[in-house]
Amino acid sequence: ASITAGHSTLYNGSVKGRFTIARDNAKNTVYLEMNSLKSED
């Protein structure tokens, strides 16, 4: 997954709906929330 400074996001189809990418520009930090994890992850 990727995210721009304007919070436009892009996801790999295999994780879409399960993972969420977020960004805090003030903290210069990006997060990846991963849910419903599978062995292939």
PDB file of all heavy atoms in Angstrom:
ATOM      1  N   ALA A   1       0.844  -1.186   0.000  1.00  0.00           N
ATOM      2  CA  ALA A   1       0.000   0.000   0.000  1.00  0.00           C
ATOM      3  C   ALA A   1       0.879   1.235   0.000  1.00  0.00           C
ATOM      4  O   ALA A   1       2.021   1.196   0.451  1.00  0.00           O
ATOM      5  CB  ALA A   1      -0.929   0.017   1.223  1.00  0.00           C
ATOM      6  N   SER A   2       0.342   2.331  -0.499  1.00  0.00           N
ATOM      7  CA  SER A   2       1.057   3.594  -0.497  1.00  0.00           C
ATOM      8  C   SER A   2       0.092   4.721  -0.199  1.00  0.00           C
ATOM      9  O   SER A   2      -1.128   4.583  -0.373  1.00  0.00           O
ATOM     10  CB  SER A   2       1.769   3.841  -1.830  1.00  0.00           C
ATOM     11  OG  SER A   2       0.842   3.978  -2.892  1.00  0.00           O
ATOM     12  N   ILE A   3       0.653   5.841   0.224  1.00  0.00           N
ATOM     13  CA  ILE A   3      -0.164   7.004   0.546  1.00  0.00           C
ATOM     14  C   ILE A   3       0.645   8.262   0.269  1.00  0.00           C
ATOM     15  O   ILE A   3       1.826   8.350   0.589  1.00  0.00           O
ATOM     16  CB  ILE A   3      -0.651   6.944   2.013  1.00  0.00           C
ATOM     17  CG1 ILE A   3      -1.593   8.111   2.323  1.00  0.00           C
ATOM     18  CG2 ILE A   3       0.533   6.910   2.980  1.00  0.00           C
ATOM     19  CD1 ILE A   3      -2.320   7.935   3.653  1.00  0.00           C
ATOM     20  N   THR A   4      -0.001   9.253  -0.342  1.00  0.00           N
ATOM     21  CA  THR A   4       0.657  10.509  -0.661  1.00  0.00           C
ATOM     22  C   THR A   4       0.500  11.500   0.481  1.00  0.00           C
ATOM     23  O   THR A   4      -0.222  11.268   1.442  1.00  0.00           O
ATOM     24  CB  THR A   4       0.083  11.127  -1.940  1.00  0.00           C
ATOM     25  OG1 THR A   4      -1.266  11.557  -1.698  1.00  0.00           O
ATOM     26  CG2 THR A   4       0.093  10.131  -3.093  1.00  0.00           C
ATOM     27  N   ALA A   5       1.179  12.634   0.339  1.00  0.00           N
ATOM     28  CA  ALA A   5       1.049  13.688   1.335  1.00  0.00           C
ATOM     29  C   ALA A   5      -0.384  14.192   1.422  1.00  0.00           C
ATOM     30  O   ALA A   5      -0.801  14.678   2.470  1.00  0.00           O
ATOM     31  CB  ALA A   5       1.997  14.839   1.011  1.00  0.00           C
ATOM     32  N   GLY A   6      -1.127  14.078   0.320  1.00  0.00           N
ATOM     33  CA  GLY A   6      -2.525  14.472   0.300  1.00  0.00           C
ATOM     34  C   GLY A   6      -3.467  13.357   0.676  1.00  0.00           C
ATOM     35  O   GLY A   6      -4.681  13.505   0.509  1.00  0.00           O
ATOM     36  N   HIS A   7      -2.935  12.250   1.152  1.00  0.00           N
ATOM     37  CA  HIS A   7      -3.699  11.107   1.661  1.00  0.00           C
ATOM     38  C   HIS A   7      -4.430  10.326   0.582  1.00  0.00           C
ATOM     39  O   HIS A   7      -5.426   9.643   0.868  1.00  0.00           O
ATOM     40  CB  HIS A   7      -4.664  11.540   2.765  1.00  0.00           C
ATOM     41  CG  HIS A   7      -3.976  12.129   3.957  1.00  0.00           C
ATOM     42  ND1 HIS A   7      -3.796  13.490   4.106  1.00  0.00           N
ATOM     43  CD2 HIS A   7      -3.398  11.556   5.035  1.00  0.00           C
ATOM     44  CE1 HIS A   7      -3.139  13.721   5.229  1.00  0.00           C
ATOM     45  NE2 HIS A   7      -2.887  12.564   5.813  1.00  0.00           N
ATOM     46  N   SER A   8      -3.945  10.397  -0.645  1.00  0.00           N
ATOM     47  CA  SER A   8      -4.440   9.509  -1.686  1.00  0.00           C
ATOM     48  C   SER A   8      -3.788   8.144  -1.496  1.00  0.00           C
ATOM     49  O   SER A   8      -2.567   8.052  -1.334  1.00  0.00           O
ATOM     50  CB  SER A   8      -4.110  10.069  -3.061  1.00  0.00           C
ATOM     51  OG  SER A   8      -4.531   9.197  -4.084  1.00  0.00           O
ATOM     52  N   THR A   9      -4.574   7.086  -1.513  1.00  0.00           N
ATOM     53  CA  THR A   9      -4.067   5.755  -1.186  1.00  0.00           C
ATOM     54  C   THR A   9      -4.168   4.794  -2.355  1.00  0.00           C
ATOM     55  O   THR A   9      -4.993   4.944  -3.254  1.00  0.00           O
ATOM     56  CB  THR A   9      -4.809   5.162   0.017  1.00  0.00           C
ATOM     57  OG1 THR A   9      -6.212   5.075  -0.287  1.00  0.00           O
ATOM     58  CG2 THR A   9      -4.626   6.034   1.249  1.00  0.00           C
ATOM     59  N   LEU A  10      -3.323   3.779  -2.304  1.00  0.00           N
ATOM     60  CA  LEU A  10      -3.315   2.716  -3.291  1.00  0.00           C
ATOM     61  C   LEU A  10      -3.033   1.415  -2.556  1.00  0.00           C
ATOM     62  O   LEU A  10      -2.135   1.363  -1.717  1.00  0.00           O
ATOM     63  CB  LEU A  10      -2.251   2.975  -4.356  1.00  0.00           C
ATOM     64  CG  LEU A  10      -2.101   1.931  -5.467  1.00  0.00           C
ATOM     65  CD1 LEU A  10      -3.335   1.940  -6.356  1.00  0.00           C
ATOM     66  CD2 LEU A  10      -0.852   2.222  -6.297  1.00  0.00           C
ATOM     67  N   TYR A  11      -3.785   0.362  -2.894  1.00  0.00           N
ATOM     68  CA  TYR A  11      -3.632  -0.923  -2.228  1.00  0.00           C
ATOM     69  C   TYR A  11      -3.410  -2.045  -3.224  1.00  0.00           C
ATOM     70  O   TYR A  11      -3.997  -2.065  -4.312  1.00  0.00           O
ATOM     71  CB  TYR A  11      -4.871  -1.269  -1.404  1.00  0.00           C
ATOM     72  CG  TYR A  11      -5.101  -0.376  -0.214  1.00  0.00           C
ATOM     73  CD1 TYR A  11      -5.895   0.758  -0.315  1.00  0.00           C
ATOM     74  CD2 TYR A  11      -4.531  -0.682   1.016  1.00  0.00           C
ATOM     75  CE1 TYR A  11      -6.113   1.574   0.782  1.00  0.00           C
ATOM     76  CE2 TYR A  11      -4.749   0.130   2.116  1.00  0.00           C
ATOM     77  CZ  TYR A  11      -5.541   1.256   1.995  1.00  0.00           C
ATOM     78  OH  TYR A  11      -5.762   2.066   3.087  1.00  0.00           O
ATOM     79  N   ASN A  12      -2.586  -2.983  -2.833  1.00  0.00           N
ATOM     80  CA  ASN A  12      -2.489  -4.242  -3.542  1.00  0.00           C
ATOM     81  C   ASN A  12      -3.845  -4.945  -3.400  1.00  0.00           C
ATOM     82  O   ASN A  12      -4.430  -4.970  -2.314  1.00  0.00           O
ATOM     83  CB  ASN A  12      -1.368  -5.080  -2.936  1.00  0.00           C
ATOM     84  CG  ASN A  12      -1.087  -6.349  -3.695  1.00  0.00           C
ATOM     85  OD1 ASN A  12      -1.957  -7.189  -3.890  1.00  0.00           O
ATOM     86  ND2 ASN A  12       0.167  -6.503  -4.124  1.00  0.00           N
ATOM     87  N   GLY A  13      -4.319  -5.513  -4.484  1.00  0.00           N
ATOM     88  CA  GLY A  13      -5.624  -6.153  -4.459  1.00  0.00           C
ATOM     89  C   GLY A  13      -5.748  -7.271  -3.443  1.00  0.00           C
ATOM     90  O   GLY A  13      -6.851  -7.548  -2.949  1.00  0.00           O
ATOM     91  N   SER A  14      -4.646  -7.900  -3.095  1.00  0.00           N
ATOM     92  CA  SER A  14      -4.679  -9.009  -2.151  1.00  0.00           C
ATOM     93  C   SER A  14      -4.917  -8.566  -0.715  1.00  0.00           C
ATOM     94  O   SER A  14      -5.260  -9.396   0.130  1.00  0.00           O
ATOM     95  CB  SER A  14      -3.380  -9.820  -2.231  1.00  0.00           C
ATOM     96  OG  SER A  14      -2.273  -9.058  -1.781  1.00  0.00           O
ATOM     97  N   VAL A  15      -4.736  -7.282  -0.430  1.00  0.00           N
ATOM     98  CA  VAL A  15      -4.910  -6.784   0.934  1.00  0.00           C
ATOM     99  C   VAL A  15      -6.044  -5.781   1.049  1.00  0.00           C
ATOM    100  O   VAL A  15      -6.425  -5.410   2.167  1.00  0.00           O
ATOM    101  CB  VAL A  15      -3.618  -6.153   1.487  1.00  0.00           C
ATOM    102  CG1 VAL A  15      -2.449  -7.116   1.351  1.00  0.00           C
ATOM    103  CG2 VAL A  15      -3.309  -4.832   0.791  1.00  0.00           C
ATOM    104  N   LYS A  16      -6.581  -5.345  -0.069  1.00  0.00           N
ATOM    105  CA  LYS A  16      -7.638  -4.345  -0.046  1.00  0.00           C
ATOM    106  C   LYS A  16      -8.839  -4.865   0.737  1.00  0.00           C
ATOM    107  O   LYS A  16      -9.294  -5.982   0.535  1.00  0.00           O
ATOM    108  CB  LYS A  16      -8.053  -3.978  -1.471  1.00  0.00           C
ATOM    109  CG  LYS A  16      -8.959  -2.768  -1.555  1.00  0.00           C
ATOM    110  CD  LYS A  16      -9.190  -2.357  -3.002  1.00  0.00           C
ATOM    111  CE  LYS A  16     -10.022  -1.089  -3.095  1.00  0.00           C
ATOM    112  NZ  LYS A  16     -10.237  -0.676  -4.500  1.00  0.00           N
ATOM    113  N   GLY A  17      -9.323  -4.040   1.642  1.00  0.00           N
ATOM    114  CA  GLY A  17     -10.424  -4.428   2.492  1.00  0.00           C
ATOM    115  C   GLY A  17      -9.984  -5.016   3.814  1.00  0.00           C
ATOM    116  O   GLY A  17     -10.792  -5.105   4.749  1.00  0.00           O
ATOM    117  N   ARG A  18      -8.735  -5.422   3.904  1.00  0.00           N
ATOM    118  CA  ARG A  18      -8.192  -5.977   5.145  1.00  0.00           C
ATOM    119  C   ARG A  18      -7.154  -5.066   5.787  1.00  0.00           C
ATOM    120  O   ARG A  18      -7.059  -5.002   7.013  1.00  0.00           O
ATOM    121  CB  ARG A  18      -7.560  -7.347   4.889  1.00  0.00           C
ATOM    122  CG  ARG A  18      -8.529  -8.388   4.367  1.00  0.00           C
ATOM    123  CD  ARG A  18      -7.884  -9.773   4.317  1.00  0.00           C
ATOM    124  NE  ARG A  18      -6.746  -9.814   3.391  1.00  0.00           N
ATOM    125  CZ  ARG A  18      -5.499 -10.092   3.751  1.00  0.00           C
ATOM    126  NH1 ARG A  18      -5.209 -10.363   5.020  1.00  0.00           N
ATOM    127  NH2 ARG A  18      -4.535 -10.126   2.844  1.00  0.00           N
ATOM    128  N   PHE A  19      -6.373  -4.385   4.957  1.00  0.00           N
ATOM    129  CA  PHE A  19      -5.329  -3.492   5.447  1.00  0.00           C
ATOM    130  C   PHE A  19      -5.748  -2.041   5.238  1.00  0.00           C
ATOM    131  O   PHE A  19      -6.450  -1.717   4.280  1.00  0.00           O
ATOM    132  CB  PHE A  19      -4.013  -3.714   4.703  1.00  0.00           C
ATOM    133  CG  PHE A  19      -3.341  -5.032   4.972  1.00  0.00           C
ATOM    134  CD1 PHE A  19      -3.973  -6.052   5.661  1.00  0.00           C
ATOM    135  CD2 PHE A  19      -2.044  -5.243   4.517  1.00  0.00           C
ATOM    136  CE1 PHE A  19      -3.346  -7.261   5.894  1.00  0.00           C
ATOM    137  CE2 PHE A  19      -1.403  -6.443   4.746  1.00  0.00           C
ATOM    138  CZ  PHE A  19      -2.054  -7.456   5.434  1.00  0.00           C
ATOM    139  N   THR A  20      -5.262  -1.173   6.094  1.00  0.00           N
ATOM    140  CA  THR A  20      -5.497   0.254   5.963  1.00  0.00           C
ATOM    141  C   THR A  20      -4.195   1.002   6.178  1.00  0.00           C
ATOM    142  O   THR A  20      -3.512   0.788   7.177  1.00  0.00           O
ATOM    143  CB  THR A  20      -6.540   0.756   6.974  1.00  0.00           C
ATOM    144  OG1 THR A  20      -7.776   0.060   6.786  1.00  0.00           O
ATOM    145  CG2 THR A  20      -6.785   2.250   6.789  1.00  0.00           C
ATOM    146  N   ILE A  21      -3.849   1.867   5.232  1.00  0.00           N
ATOM    147  CA  ILE A  21      -2.662   2.692   5.375  1.00  0.00           C
ATOM    148  C   ILE A  21      -3.091   4.094   5.788  1.00  0.00           C
ATOM    149  O   ILE A  21      -4.100   4.613   5.304  1.00  0.00           O
ATOM    150  CB  ILE A  21      -1.824   2.715   4.077  1.00  0.00           C
ATOM    151  CG1 ILE A  21      -0.465   3.388   4.324  1.00  0.00           C
ATOM    152  CG2 ILE A  21      -2.567   3.387   2.934  1.00  0.00           C
ATOM    153  CD1 ILE A  21       0.529   3.192   3.177  1.00  0.00           C
ATOM    154  N   ALA A  22      -2.343   4.687   6.690  1.00  0.00           N
ATOM    155  CA  ALA A  22      -2.633   6.029   7.167  1.00  0.00           C
ATOM    156  C   ALA A  22      -1.330   6.788   7.350  1.00  0.00           C
ATOM    157  O   ALA A  22      -0.253   6.190   7.447  1.00  0.00           O
ATOM    158  CB  ALA A  22      -3.420   5.982   8.481  1.00  0.00           C
ATOM    159  N   ARG A  23      -1.437   8.095   7.397  1.00  0.00           N
ATOM    160  CA  ARG A  23      -0.239   8.926   7.475  1.00  0.00           C
ATOM    161  C   ARG A  23      -0.493  10.135   8.353  1.00  0.00           C
ATOM    162  O   ARG A  23      -1.528  10.790   8.241  1.00  0.00           O
ATOM    163  CB  ARG A  23       0.168   9.358   6.064  1.00  0.00           C
ATOM    164  CG  ARG A  23       1.397  10.238   5.966  1.00  0.00           C
ATOM    165  CD  ARG A  23       1.781  10.389   4.498  1.00  0.00           C
ATOM    166  NE  ARG A  23       2.908  11.286   4.304  1.00  0.00           N
ATOM    167  CZ  ARG A  23       3.545  11.459   3.160  1.00  0.00           C
ATOM    168  NH1 ARG A  23       3.164  10.783   2.081  1.00  0.00           N
ATOM    169  NH2 ARG A  23       4.564  12.307   3.081  1.00  0.00           N
ATOM    170  N   ASP A  24       0.463  10.429   9.200  1.00  0.00           N
ATOM    171  CA  ASP A  24       0.442  11.617  10.029  1.00  0.00           C
ATOM    172  C   ASP A  24       1.606  12.483   9.568  1.00  0.00           C
ATOM    173  O   ASP A  24       2.757  12.231   9.924  1.00  0.00           O
ATOM    174  CB  ASP A  24       0.573  11.257  11.510  1.00  0.00           C
ATOM    175  CG  ASP A  24       0.396  12.452  12.422  1.00  0.00           C
ATOM    176  OD1 ASP A  24       0.678  13.583  12.011  1.00  0.00           O
ATOM    177  OD2 ASP A  24      -0.036  12.245  13.575  1.00  0.00           O
ATOM    178  N   ASN A  25       1.306  13.483   8.752  1.00  0.00           N
ATOM    179  CA  ASN A  25       2.363  14.312   8.181  1.00  0.00           C
ATOM    180  C   ASN A  25       3.133  15.091   9.248  1.00  0.00           C
ATOM    181  O   ASN A  25       4.337  15.305   9.114  1.00  0.00           O
ATOM    182  CB  ASN A  25       1.777  15.278   7.151  1.00  0.00           C
ATOM    183  CG  ASN A  25       1.269  14.582   5.910  1.00  0.00           C
ATOM    184  OD1 ASN A  25       1.718  13.492   5.564  1.00  0.00           O
ATOM    185  ND2 ASN A  25       0.326  15.208   5.227  1.00  0.00           N
ATOM    186  N   ALA A  26       2.440  15.520  10.279  1.00  0.00           N
ATOM    187  CA  ALA A  26       3.091  16.279  11.336  1.00  0.00           C
ATOM    188  C   ALA A  26       4.132  15.443  12.067  1.00  0.00           C
ATOM    189  O   ALA A  26       5.145  15.968  12.531  1.00  0.00           O
ATOM    190  CB  ALA A  26       2.057  16.823  12.311  1.00  0.00           C
ATOM    191  N   LYS A  27       3.866  14.151  12.180  1.00  0.00           N
ATOM    192  CA  LYS A  27       4.785  13.252  12.862  1.00  0.00           C
ATOM    193  C   LYS A  27       5.713  12.518  11.903  1.00  0.00           C
ATOM    194  O   LYS A  27       6.545  11.727  12.345  1.00  0.00           O
ATOM    195  CB  LYS A  27       4.007  12.231  13.693  1.00  0.00           C
ATOM    196  CG  LYS A  27       3.197  12.836  14.822  1.00  0.00           C
ATOM    197  CD  LYS A  27       2.489  11.758  15.623  1.00  0.00           C
ATOM    198  CE  LYS A  27       1.707  12.345  16.777  1.00  0.00           C
ATOM    199  NZ  LYS A  27       1.003  11.306  17.556  1.00  0.00           N
ATOM    200  N   ASN A  28       5.552  12.764  10.602  1.00  0.00           N
ATOM    201  CA  ASN A  28       6.346  12.080   9.580  1.00  0.00           C
ATOM    202  C   ASN A  28       6.271  10.565   9.746  1.00  0.00           C
ATOM    203  O   ASN A  28       7.277   9.868   9.637  1.00  0.00           O
ATOM    204  CB  ASN A  28       7.801  12.551   9.624  1.00  0.00           C
ATOM    205  CG  ASN A  28       7.940  14.041   9.419  1.00  0.00           C
ATOM    206  OD1 ASN A  28       8.505  14.741  10.255  1.00  0.00           O
ATOM    207  ND2 ASN A  28       7.418  14.539   8.306  1.00  0.00           N
ATOM    208  N   THR A  29       5.074  10.097   9.987  1.00  0.00           N
ATOM    209  CA  THR A  29       4.866   8.686  10.285  1.00  0.00           C
ATOM    210  C   THR A  29       3.776   8.100   9.404  1.00  0.00           C
ATOM    211  O   THR A  29       2.743   8.734   9.172  1.00  0.00           O
ATOM    212  CB  THR A  29       4.493   8.492  11.765  1.00  0.00           C
ATOM    213  OG1 THR A  29       5.559   8.968  12.585  1.00  0.00           O
ATOM    214  CG2 THR A  29       4.250   7.027  12.080  1.00  0.00           C
ATOM    215  N   VAL A  30       4.019   6.897   8.916  1.00  0.00           N
ATOM    216  CA  VAL A  30       3.024   6.155   8.160  1.00  0.00           C
ATOM    217  C   VAL A  30       2.721   4.870   8.910  1.00  0.00           C
ATOM    218  O   VAL A  30       3.615   4.257   9.509  1.00  0.00           O
ATOM    219  CB  VAL A  30       3.502   5.873   6.718  1.00  0.00           C
ATOM    220  CG1 VAL A  30       4.744   4.980   6.708  1.00  0.00           C
ATOM    221  CG2 VAL A  30       2.390   5.253   5.894  1.00  0.00           C
ATOM    222  N   TYR A  31       1.466   4.472   8.884  1.00  0.00           N
ATOM    223  CA  TYR A  31       1.010   3.282   9.585  1.00  0.00           C
ATOM    224  C   TYR A  31       0.399   2.300   8.604  1.00  0.00           C
ATOM    225  O   TYR A  31      -0.131   2.678   7.567  1.00  0.00           O
ATOM    226  CB  TYR A  31      -0.046   3.637  10.632  1.00  0.00           C
ATOM    227  CG  TYR A  31       0.364   4.710  11.601  1.00  0.00           C
ATOM    228  CD1 TYR A  31       0.070   6.049  11.356  1.00  0.00           C
ATOM    229  CD2 TYR A  31       1.044   4.392  12.772  1.00  0.00           C
ATOM    230  CE1 TYR A  31       0.441   7.042  12.247  1.00  0.00           C
ATOM    231  CE2 TYR A  31       1.421   5.372  13.670  1.00  0.00           C
ATOM    232  CZ  TYR A  31       1.113   6.700  13.401  1.00  0.00           C
ATOM    233  OH  TYR A  31       1.486   7.676  14.295  1.00  0.00           O
ATOM    234  N   LEU A  32       0.452   1.047   8.957  1.00  0.00           N
ATOM    235  CA  LEU A  32      -0.242   0.020   8.204  1.00  0.00           C
ATOM    236  C   LEU A  32      -0.991  -0.853   9.197  1.00  0.00           C
ATOM    237  O   LEU A  32      -0.376  -1.613   9.946  1.00  0.00           O
ATOM    238  CB  LEU A  32       0.726  -0.830   7.380  1.00  0.00           C
ATOM    239  CG  LEU A  32       0.067  -1.868   6.461  1.00  0.00           C
ATOM    240  CD1 LEU A  32      -0.707  -1.175   5.346  1.00  0.00           C
ATOM    241  CD2 LEU A  32       1.108  -2.817   5.880  1.00  0.00           C
ATOM    242  N   GLU A  33      -2.308  -0.718   9.200  1.00  0.00           N
ATOM    243  CA  GLU A  33      -3.148  -1.562  10.038  1.00  0.00           C
ATOM    244  C   GLU A  33      -3.507  -2.811   9.257  1.00  0.00           C
ATOM    245  O   GLU A  33      -4.108  -2.718   8.191  1.00  0.00           O
ATOM    246  CB  GLU A  33      -4.408  -0.809  10.460  1.00  0.00           C
ATOM    247  CG  GLU A  33      -4.148   0.389  11.350  1.00  0.00           C
ATOM    248  CD  GLU A  33      -5.423   1.050  11.829  1.00  0.00           C
ATOM    249  OE1 GLU A  33      -6.516   0.479  11.623  1.00  0.00           O
ATOM    250  OE2 GLU A  33      -5.335   2.142  12.424  1.00  0.00           O
ATOM    251  N   MET A  34      -3.149  -3.942   9.783  1.00  0.00           N
ATOM    252  CA  MET A  34      -3.366  -5.214   9.112  1.00  0.00           C
ATOM    253  C   MET A  34      -4.352  -6.039   9.915  1.00  0.00           C
ATOM    254  O   MET A  34      -4.098  -6.365  11.073  1.00  0.00           O
ATOM    255  CB  MET A  34      -2.046  -5.964   8.948  1.00  0.00           C
ATOM    256  CG  MET A  34      -0.974  -5.163   8.221  1.00  0.00           C
ATOM    257  SD  MET A  34       0.546  -6.117   7.934  1.00  0.00           S
ATOM    258  CE  MET A  34       1.092  -6.343   9.627  1.00  0.00           C
ATOM    259  N   ASN A  35      -5.461  -6.361   9.294  1.00  0.00           N
ATOM    260  CA  ASN A  35      -6.505  -7.154   9.927  1.00  0.00           C
ATOM    261  C   ASN A  35      -6.753  -8.420   9.128  1.00  0.00           C
ATOM    262  O   ASN A  35      -6.401  -8.508   7.953  1.00  0.00           O
ATOM    263  CB  ASN A  35      -7.795  -6.344  10.036  1.00  0.00           C
ATOM    264  CG  ASN A  35      -7.641  -5.079  10.842  1.00  0.00           C
ATOM    265  OD1 ASN A  35      -7.146  -5.107  11.973  1.00  0.00           O
ATOM    266  ND2 ASN A  35      -8.073  -3.950  10.284  1.00  0.00           N
ATOM    267  N   SER A  36      -7.392  -9.376   9.771  1.00  0.00           N
ATOM    268  CA  SER A  36      -7.723 -10.649   9.123  1.00  0.00           C
ATOM    269  C   SER A  36      -6.509 -11.244   8.423  1.00  0.00           C
ATOM    270  O   SER A  36      -6.569 -11.656   7.261  1.00  0.00           O
ATOM    271  CB  SER A  36      -8.871 -10.450   8.133  1.00  0.00           C
ATOM    272  OG  SER A  36     -10.020  -9.944   8.778  1.00  0.00           O
ATOM    273  N   LEU A  37      -5.412 -11.301   9.129  1.00  0.00           N
ATOM    274  CA  LEU A  37      -4.163 -11.750   8.535  1.00  0.00           C
ATOM    275  C   LEU A  37      -4.233 -13.210   8.098  1.00  0.00           C
ATOM    276  O   LEU A  37      -4.814 -14.054   8.786  1.00  0.00           O
ATOM    277  CB  LEU A  37      -3.015 -11.551   9.514  1.00  0.00           C
ATOM    278  CG  LEU A  37      -2.535 -10.096   9.631  1.00  0.00           C
ATOM    279  CD1 LEU A  37      -1.757  -9.884  10.917  1.00  0.00           C
ATOM    280  CD2 LEU A  37      -1.679  -9.736   8.419  1.00  0.00           C
ATOM    281  N   LYS A  38      -3.616 -13.463   6.962  1.00  0.00           N
ATOM    282  CA  LYS A  38      -3.550 -14.792   6.384  1.00  0.00           C
ATOM    283  C   LYS A  38      -2.103 -15.258   6.330  1.00  0.00           C
ATOM    284  O   LYS A  38      -1.177 -14.452   6.421  1.00  0.00           O
ATOM    285  CB  LYS A  38      -4.137 -14.784   4.968  1.00  0.00           C
ATOM    286  CG  LYS A  38      -5.549 -14.249   4.867  1.00  0.00           C
ATOM    287  CD  LYS A  38      -5.986 -14.159   3.413  1.00  0.00           C
ATOM    288  CE  LYS A  38      -7.392 -13.613   3.293  1.00  0.00           C
ATOM    289  NZ  LYS A  38      -7.815 -13.498   1.866  1.00  0.00           N
ATOM    290  N   SER A  39      -1.920 -16.542   6.144  1.00  0.00           N
ATOM    291  CA  SER A  39      -0.568 -17.080   6.074  1.00  0.00           C
ATOM    292  C   SER A  39       0.220 -16.459   4.931  1.00  0.00           C
ATOM    293  O   SER A  39       1.440 -16.267   5.047  1.00  0.00           O
ATOM    294  CB  SER A  39      -0.601 -18.599   5.927  1.00  0.00           C
ATOM    295  OG  SER A  39      -1.289 -18.994   4.757  1.00  0.00           O
ATOM    296  N   GLU A  40      -0.449 -16.126   3.843  1.00  0.00           N
ATOM    297  CA  GLU A  40       0.232 -15.526   2.706  1.00  0.00           C
ATOM    298  C   GLU A  40       0.676 -14.088   2.948  1.00  0.00           C
ATOM    299  O   GLU A  40       1.397 -13.512   2.132  1.00  0.00           O
ATOM    300  CB  GLU A  40      -0.637 -15.593   1.446  1.00  0.00           C
ATOM    301  CG  GLU A  40      -2.036 -15.057   1.638  1.00  0.00           C
ATOM    302  CD  GLU A  40      -3.047 -16.157   1.881  1.00  0.00           C
ATOM    303  OE1 GLU A  40      -2.761 -17.062   2.686  1.00  0.00           O
ATOM    304  OE2 GLU A  40      -4.133 -16.120   1.254  1.00  0.00           O
ATOM    305  N   ASP A  41       0.256 -13.496   4.070  1.00  0.00           N
ATOM    306  CA  ASP A  41       0.715 -12.162   4.432  1.00  0.00           C
ATOM    307  C   ASP A  41       2.069 -12.187   5.132  1.00  0.00           C
ATOM    308  O   ASP A  41       2.670 -11.130   5.340  1.00  0.00           O
ATOM    309  CB  ASP A  41      -0.300 -11.466   5.346  1.00  0.00           C
ATOM    310  CG  ASP A  41      -1.632 -11.220   4.660  1.00  0.00           C
ATOM    311  OD1 ASP A  41      -1.629 -10.789   3.485  1.00  0.00           O
ATOM    312  OD2 ASP A  41      -2.669 -11.450   5.303  1.00  0.00           O
TER     313      ASP A  41
END
